[in-house]
Protein backbone atom coordinates (compact mmCIF):
# COMPACT_ATOMS: atom_id res chain seq x y z
CA MET A 1 -1.29 9.32 -24.69
CA ILE A 2 -0.16 6.71 -22.98
CA LYS A 3 2.15 8.20 -20.78
CA ARG A 4 -0.15 10.78 -19.66
CA PHE A 5 -3.27 8.49 -19.29
CA LEU A 6 -0.68 6.46 -16.73
CA GLN A 7 0.60 9.87 -14.76
CA ARG A 8 -3.30 10.76 -14.00
CA ARG A 9 -4.53 7.73 -13.07
CA TRP A 10 -1.91 5.76 -11.44
CA PRO A 11 -3.20 5.86 -8.41
CA LEU A 12 -6.79 4.08 -9.65
CA LEU A 13 -4.02 1.06 -11.29
CA VAL A 14 -2.79 0.85 -8.11
CA GLY A 15 -5.07 0.33 -6.23
CA LEU A 16 -6.77 -2.34 -8.60
CA LEU A 17 -3.89 -4.37 -8.60
CA LEU A 18 -3.42 -3.68 -4.51
CA GLY A 19 -7.16 -5.06 -4.71
CA GLY A 20 -6.73 -8.07 -6.65
CA ILE A 21 -4.49 -8.75 -4.53
CA ALA A 22 -6.28 -8.37 -1.76
CA GLY A 23 -9.02 -10.64 -2.61
CA TYR A 24 -7.08 -13.28 -3.72
CA LEU A 25 -5.30 -14.23 -0.94
CA TYR A 26 -8.89 -13.57 0.91
CA ASN A 27 -9.67 -16.08 -1.55
CA VAL A 28 -6.94 -18.65 -0.57
CA TYR A 29 -6.99 -17.82 3.21
CA VAL A 30 -10.23 -17.75 4.03
CA GLY A 31 -12.18 -18.58 1.22
CA CYS A 32 -14.98 -20.40 1.20
CA ALA A 33 -15.07 -24.23 2.67
CA SER A 34 -18.46 -25.37 1.38
CA GLY A 35 -18.13 -24.32 -2.14
CA THR A 36 -21.30 -22.34 -2.34
CA CYS A 37 -20.02 -18.73 -1.70
CA MET A 38 -20.95 -16.83 -4.77
CA ILE A 39 -18.22 -14.48 -4.16
CA THR A 40 -15.22 -16.61 -2.50
CA SER A 41 -16.01 -20.14 -3.84
CA SER A 42 -13.45 -18.73 -7.12
CA PRO A 43 -9.93 -16.79 -7.10
CA TYR A 44 -11.22 -15.16 -10.17
CA LEU A 45 -14.41 -13.46 -8.64
CA SER A 46 -12.88 -13.07 -5.21
CA THR A 47 -9.99 -11.09 -7.23
CA LEU A 48 -12.38 -8.83 -9.87
CA TRP A 49 -13.89 -7.99 -6.44
CA GLY A 50 -11.03 -7.09 -4.25
CA ALA A 51 -9.55 -5.63 -7.64
CA ALA A 52 -13.18 -3.48 -8.10
CA LEU A 53 -13.22 -2.63 -4.19
CA GLY A 54 -9.31 -1.56 -4.19
CA GLY A 55 -10.41 0.89 -6.96
CA LEU A 56 -13.58 2.04 -5.82
CA LEU A 57 -11.68 3.01 -1.68
CA VAL A 58 -8.83 4.98 -4.05
CA ASP A 59 -10.74 6.84 -6.51
CA GLY A 60 -12.88 7.87 -3.49
CA PHE A 61 -10.13 9.72 -2.04
CA ARG A 62 -9.19 11.71 -4.89
CA PRO A 63 -10.10 15.48 -5.57
CA CYS A 64 -12.97 17.14 -6.93
CA GLY A 65 -12.63 18.84 -10.24
CA GLY A 66 -10.26 20.38 -11.27
CA ARG A 67 -9.18 24.13 -12.00
CA GLY A 68 -10.65 24.88 -8.14
CA GLY A 69 -14.27 23.32 -9.57
CA SER A 70 -17.30 21.59 -6.85
CA CYS A 71 -17.74 17.81 -7.06
CA HIS A 72 -21.20 19.40 -6.50
CA GLU A 73 -21.61 21.42 -10.09
């Protein structure tokens, strides 16, 4: 069951991982000097937002429908 899940969702998991890494690196190198920025003031929040954006970006390129189905059904 877990193996099947990983086979079907590996691009999403890679997107989440790479997005999280990118969010953390953004916090480290760009960040927020004053500490008042909502997203970048905490490394946890920037990592979470990066993972969410990475997952959405990768999942947006996933083919729609199975067995010749349409995205707009």
